[in-house]
Amino acid sequence: MDLKSGYPWWAIRNGLMHAFPPLRDDLRCDVAVLGGGITGALIADELSRHGHDVAVIEQRDVGWGSTAASTALLQYEIDTHMVDLARQYGEADALLAYRACLDAIPMLQALAVQVRDVGFVRMDSLYYASKRRHASDLRDEYALRAKHRFPVEFLDRDAVRERYGIDAPCAILSKIAACVDPYRMAYRVLMRVQKRGGKVLDRCAIERIETSSRGVTLHAADGHRVQAKHLVLAAGYANQHWLKQRVARNRSSYAFVTDPIDAATLGPLCDTMLWESARPYLYMRATSDGRLVIGGEDDAIDIPARRDARVDGKSRKLMKKVAKLFPHVPLQPTFAWAGTFAETEDGLPFFGPHAQHGPRVHFAMAYGGNGITYSMLGAGLLRALIERRRHPLAALFSFKRLQR
């Protein structure tokens, strides 16, 4: 599956960080993880850290799918407002989802400290109203978050202008967010899995999955087999290939990165990511070396050639939007790219088994704008399922919620 166009910054910046071997012989393990991006890396690390014999299998080079195209804004804020989730599933489940995502940020920070040198930086998050009619929705959203003691502050138009220099009716300022180099983190986490004795294998295409009451057999294109007690499908948006039921829709998002900009010019953008209330939304954040990563202009294009052709035009549109907000900031794109992403109807992920494949095949579908945050949560959730333990998010993040 062709998941990206153009020149994703992370792969250009880091290059091929480490060479993992291909599958050369038949293999047995406790858990096979199909997918060597950031989602597969976080899940494999969680499992191997707790004594499971893990094999990670990637059809490309590690991190070369959607991970390389991610803009890696780490937020607890879900694309669906807490207010809207509460209407759909009840306030208790909406709070459960948001609080879990809030807890995932320090979990990711702790992991980043352990693996070191992955560009992890704590930031604030400013969610601003794009239009006047969005102001009442943001007020309601702020009120519900404040009711449950989330670290938020409501800013009126004057406060937004004074503190951030943009003209917006209002905004919600959240004090817990972060950014990371997702490509580098995937590599460093998988190198740790390998060091523990886990297998990390790339350039291995799996053509067929065979399940039984005792385990799962993966049949590779070259004839080799991987036999495991459990399988985790962490192949990103290609996961839908293994499901007859359509649970998400693919879209394309576009992004570019600037040359380094001095801190005085960036001002509050140095430590605050911005995103807007319009859908699709514009979003931006600084990197650890002072560049701006700017993304948005999402569309329903899911044909690689058409997505490729749109990268330059979409970058120009993004540049114009940001130039209107911050006319003093130089915004010449250095590298521009696009990536496929998927979104669910409610903005929540899917983790766990599906009736089509039985209890030993677990999906890790960390879809939407919170992919890395969801993956951190999903790692613990899937380990609990494999170990036959209860997990508070198991029901809400399962396929069964589609039946509600």
Foldseek 3Di string as FASTA:
>chain_A
DAFKAWQQPLCVVCPQPDDAAADDAAAEFAEEEEALFLLSLLLLLLQVVVPGAYAYEAQARHRPACLSNFQFKQDLQFLFFLVVVCVVPNNVVSCVSSVLSLVLLVVVVVLCVVLDDFQKDWFKEKEFAPDPVCVVVQVVSVVSCVVVPFQKDKAAQVRCCVQPNFGTGIIIIHRTIIGTSRSVSSVSSVVVSVVSPHHYHYSWAFDDWDDDPQWIWTATPVGHIYTHRFYEHPHEPCVCVVPPDDFWAKKKKKKFKDDADDCVLCPSLQGYKYWYDDVVIWIWHATPRRMIIIMTPMDRDDDVVVQNVCHVVVLVVRQVVVCVGRVSTDDDGPIMMMGMFIAGPNRAAAWADDPVRDRRYIYGHQGHSNNSSSSNVNSVVVVCSSVVHDDPCNVVRHPCVVVD
